[in-house]
């Protein structure tokens, strides 16, 4: 957790110099998610989405965040958009996350 807080400080400082840097914004959102600051992570991803609207990993991370927040419908919607943007499957973890979501629905709430 300490490393995540340190990374967040570094990424925030980097974004002061280059506020629209897509990779820094994505890593900041990922770090916020790891620190369980889901609302702030979604805000960062919304801003990033306006910069690079066709990047599937943005929608994948949004799906993960919504799943963690208990918003199953929004999670599946974002996973679906991620798959639409990456139909060749170069980001196979998107399909795995969707499959995992459906498997947990079949087994019951204790599996998640």
C-alpha atoms as a PDB file:
ATOM      1  CA  UNK A   1       0.000   0.000   0.000  1.00  0.00           C
ATOM      2  CA  UNK A   2       2.866   2.367   0.794  1.00  0.00           C
ATOM      3  CA  UNK A   3       4.286   1.850  -2.703  1.00  0.00           C
ATOM      4  CA  UNK A   4       0.891   2.699  -4.229  1.00  0.00           C
ATOM      5  CA  UNK A   5       0.740   5.949  -2.273  1.00  0.00           C
ATOM      6  CA  UNK A   6       4.267   6.792  -3.368  1.00  0.00           C
ATOM      7  CA  UNK A   7       3.410   5.994  -6.995  1.00  0.00           C
ATOM      8  CA  UNK A   8       0.305   8.176  -6.771  1.00  0.00           C
ATOM      9  CA  UNK A   9       2.402  11.133  -5.602  1.00  0.00           C
ATOM     10  CA  UNK A  10       4.856  10.652  -8.476  1.00  0.00           C
ATOM     11  CA  UNK A  11       2.103  10.290 -11.079  1.00  0.00           C
ATOM     12  CA  UNK A  12       0.273  13.345  -9.761  1.00  0.00           C
ATOM     13  CA  UNK A  13       3.487  15.367  -9.981  1.00  0.00           C
ATOM     14  CA  UNK A  14       4.137  14.119 -13.532  1.00  0.00           C
ATOM     15  CA  UNK A  15       0.625  15.138 -14.563  1.00  0.00           C
ATOM     16  CA  UNK A  16       1.274  18.661 -13.291  1.00  0.00           C
ATOM     17  CA  UNK A  17       3.895  18.962 -16.036  1.00  0.00           C
ATOM     18  CA  UNK A  18       1.922  17.152 -18.737  1.00  0.00           C
ATOM     19  CA  UNK A  19      -1.770  17.096 -17.725  1.00  0.00           C
ATOM     20  CA  UNK A  20      -2.992  15.106 -20.737  1.00  0.00           C
ATOM     21  CA  UNK A  21      -0.347  12.354 -20.798  1.00  0.00           C
ATOM     22  CA  UNK A  22      -2.443   9.218 -21.455  1.00  0.00           C
ATOM     23  CA  UNK A  23      -0.121   6.640 -19.896  1.00  0.00           C
ATOM     24  CA  UNK A  24       0.347   8.640 -16.693  1.00  0.00           C
ATOM     25  CA  UNK A  25      -3.409   9.150 -16.427  1.00  0.00           C
ATOM     26  CA  UNK A  26      -4.047   5.435 -16.920  1.00  0.00           C
ATOM     27  CA  UNK A  27      -1.479   4.445 -14.299  1.00  0.00           C
ATOM     28  CA  UNK A  28      -2.867   7.029 -11.904  1.00  0.00           C
ATOM     29  CA  UNK A  29      -6.363   5.578 -12.346  1.00  0.00           C
ATOM     30  CA  UNK A  30      -4.998   2.057 -11.818  1.00  0.00           C
ATOM     31  CA  UNK A  31      -3.198   3.171  -8.665  1.00  0.00           C
ATOM     32  CA  UNK A  32      -6.322   4.881  -7.341  1.00  0.00           C
ATOM     33  CA  UNK A  33      -8.224   1.653  -7.983  1.00  0.00           C
ATOM     34  CA  UNK A  34      -5.606  -0.311  -6.019  1.00  0.00           C
ATOM     35  CA  UNK A  35      -6.026   2.150  -3.165  1.00  0.00           C
ATOM     36  CA  UNK A  36      -9.805   1.559  -3.374  1.00  0.00           C
ATOM     37  CA  UNK A  37     -10.510   5.145  -4.400  1.00  0.00           C
ATOM     38  CA  UNK A  38     -12.949   4.003  -7.062  1.00  0.00           C
ATOM     39  CA  UNK A  39     -14.768   7.302  -7.606  1.00  0.00           C
ATOM     40  CA  UNK A  40     -11.517   9.178  -8.182  1.00  0.00           C
ATOM     41  CA  UNK A  41     -10.266   6.427 -10.482  1.00  0.00           C
ATOM     42  CA  UNK A  42     -13.455   6.697 -12.563  1.00  0.00           C
ATOM     43  CA  UNK A  43     -13.033  10.475 -12.784  1.00  0.00           C
ATOM     44  CA  UNK A  44      -9.484  10.010 -14.054  1.00  0.00           C
ATOM     45  CA  UNK A  45     -10.658   7.427 -16.592  1.00  0.00           C
ATOM     46  CA  UNK A  46     -13.484   9.689 -17.782  1.00  0.00           C
ATOM     47  CA  UNK A  47     -10.922  12.393 -18.476  1.00  0.00           C
ATOM     48  CA  UNK A  48      -8.646   9.875 -20.189  1.00  0.00           C
ATOM     49  CA  UNK A  49     -11.550   8.614 -22.292  1.00  0.00           C
ATOM     50  CA  UNK A  50     -11.954  12.125 -23.735  1.00  0.00           C
ATOM     51  CA  UNK A  51      -8.268  12.049 -24.778  1.00  0.00           C
ATOM     52  CA  UNK A  52      -8.104   8.490 -26.176  1.00  0.00           C
ATOM     53  CA  UNK A  53     -11.685   7.272 -26.701  1.00  0.00           C
ATOM     54  CA  UNK A  54     -10.729   4.114 -28.599  1.00  0.00           C
ATOM     55  CA  UNK A  55      -8.405   2.536 -26.019  1.00  0.00           C
ATOM     56  CA  UNK A  56      -9.963  -0.723 -24.850  1.00  0.00           C
ATOM     57  CA  UNK A  57      -8.024  -0.848 -21.581  1.00  0.00           C
ATOM     58  CA  UNK A  58      -9.817   2.278 -20.356  1.00  0.00           C
ATOM     59  CA  UNK A  59     -13.171   0.516 -20.649  1.00  0.00           C
ATOM     60  CA  UNK A  60     -11.739  -2.683 -19.197  1.00  0.00           C
ATOM     61  CA  UNK A  61     -10.510  -0.869 -16.079  1.00  0.00           C
ATOM     62  CA  UNK A  62     -13.836   0.961 -15.797  1.00  0.00           C
ATOM     63  CA  UNK A  63     -15.529  -2.446 -15.907  1.00  0.00           C
ATOM     64  CA  UNK A  64     -13.305  -3.750 -13.113  1.00  0.00           C
ATOM     65  CA  UNK A  65     -14.036  -0.696 -10.989  1.00  0.00           C
ATOM     66  CA  UNK A  66     -17.795  -0.956 -11.514  1.00  0.00           C
ATOM     67  CA  UNK A  67     -17.669  -4.670 -10.695  1.00  0.00           C
ATOM     68  CA  UNK A  68     -15.851  -3.900  -7.438  1.00  0.00           C
ATOM     69  CA  UNK A  69     -18.449  -1.224  -6.631  1.00  0.00           C
ATOM     70  CA  UNK A  70     -21.255  -3.762  -7.180  1.00  0.00           C
ATOM     71  CA  UNK A  71     -22.535  -2.216 -10.410  1.00  0.00           C
ATOM     72  CA  UNK A  72     -22.792  -5.432 -12.430  1.00  0.00           C
ATOM     73  CA  UNK A  73     -24.721  -3.878 -15.309  1.00  0.00           C
ATOM     74  CA  UNK A  74     -22.227  -1.023 -15.762  1.00  0.00           C
ATOM     75  CA  UNK A  75     -19.338  -3.476 -15.443  1.00  0.00           C
ATOM     76  CA  UNK A  76     -20.671  -5.706 -18.199  1.00  0.00           C
ATOM     77  CA  UNK A  77     -21.433  -2.700 -20.385  1.00  0.00           C
ATOM     78  CA  UNK A  78     -17.835  -1.472 -20.107  1.00  0.00           C
ATOM     79  CA  UNK A  79     -16.401  -4.973 -20.640  1.00  0.00           C
ATOM     80  CA  UNK A  80     -18.545  -5.243 -23.768  1.00  0.00           C
ATOM     81  CA  UNK A  81     -17.277  -1.903 -25.087  1.00  0.00           C
ATOM     82  CA  UNK A  82     -13.716  -3.030 -24.408  1.00  0.00           C
ATOM     83  CA  UNK A  83     -14.326  -6.192 -26.440  1.00  0.00           C
ATOM     84  CA  UNK A  84     -15.868  -4.154 -29.271  1.00  0.00           C
ATOM     85  CA  UNK A  85     -12.750  -1.979 -29.404  1.00  0.00           C
ATOM     86  CA  UNK A  86     -10.447  -4.996 -29.347  1.00  0.00           C
ATOM     87  CA  UNK A  87     -12.205  -7.701 -31.401  1.00  0.00           C
ATOM     88  CA  UNK A  88      -8.922  -9.453 -32.297  1.00  0.00           C
ATOM     89  CA  UNK A  89      -8.401 -10.312 -28.653  1.00  0.00           C
ATOM     90  CA  UNK A  90      -4.968  -8.750 -28.246  1.00  0.00           C
ATOM     91  CA  UNK A  91      -6.086  -7.943 -24.711  1.00  0.00           C
ATOM     92  CA  UNK A  92      -7.270 -11.439 -23.762  1.00  0.00           C
ATOM     93  CA  UNK A  93      -7.698 -10.459 -20.121  1.00  0.00           C
ATOM     94  CA  UNK A  94     -10.867  -8.590 -21.169  1.00  0.00           C
ATOM     95  CA  UNK A  95     -12.558 -11.814 -22.264  1.00  0.00           C
ATOM     96  CA  UNK A  96     -11.233 -13.631 -19.189  1.00  0.00           C
ATOM     97  CA  UNK A  97     -12.735 -10.976 -16.910  1.00  0.00           C
ATOM     98  CA  UNK A  98     -16.112 -11.275 -18.629  1.00  0.00           C
ATOM     99  CA  UNK A  99     -15.990 -15.081 -18.403  1.00  0.00           C
ATOM    100  CA  UNK A 100     -15.017 -14.842 -14.737  1.00  0.00           C
ATOM    101  CA  UNK A 101     -17.979 -12.552 -14.099  1.00  0.00           C
ATOM    102  CA  UNK A 102     -20.403 -15.024 -15.672  1.00  0.00           C
ATOM    103  CA  UNK A 103     -18.853 -17.957 -13.799  1.00  0.00           C
ATOM    104  CA  UNK A 104     -19.251 -16.151 -10.478  1.00  0.00           C
ATOM    105  CA  UNK A 105     -22.922 -15.509 -11.312  1.00  0.00           C
ATOM    106  CA  UNK A 106     -23.426 -19.251 -11.907  1.00  0.00           C
ATOM    107  CA  UNK A 107     -21.758 -20.306  -8.661  1.00  0.00           C
ATOM    108  CA  UNK A 108     -23.266 -17.734  -6.344  1.00  0.00           C
ATOM    109  CA  UNK A 109     -22.212 -14.646  -4.389  1.00  0.00           C
ATOM    110  CA  UNK A 110     -19.720 -16.484  -2.184  1.00  0.00           C
ATOM    111  CA  UNK A 111     -17.472 -17.145  -5.200  1.00  0.00           C
ATOM    112  CA  UNK A 112     -16.629 -13.459  -5.756  1.00  0.00           C
END
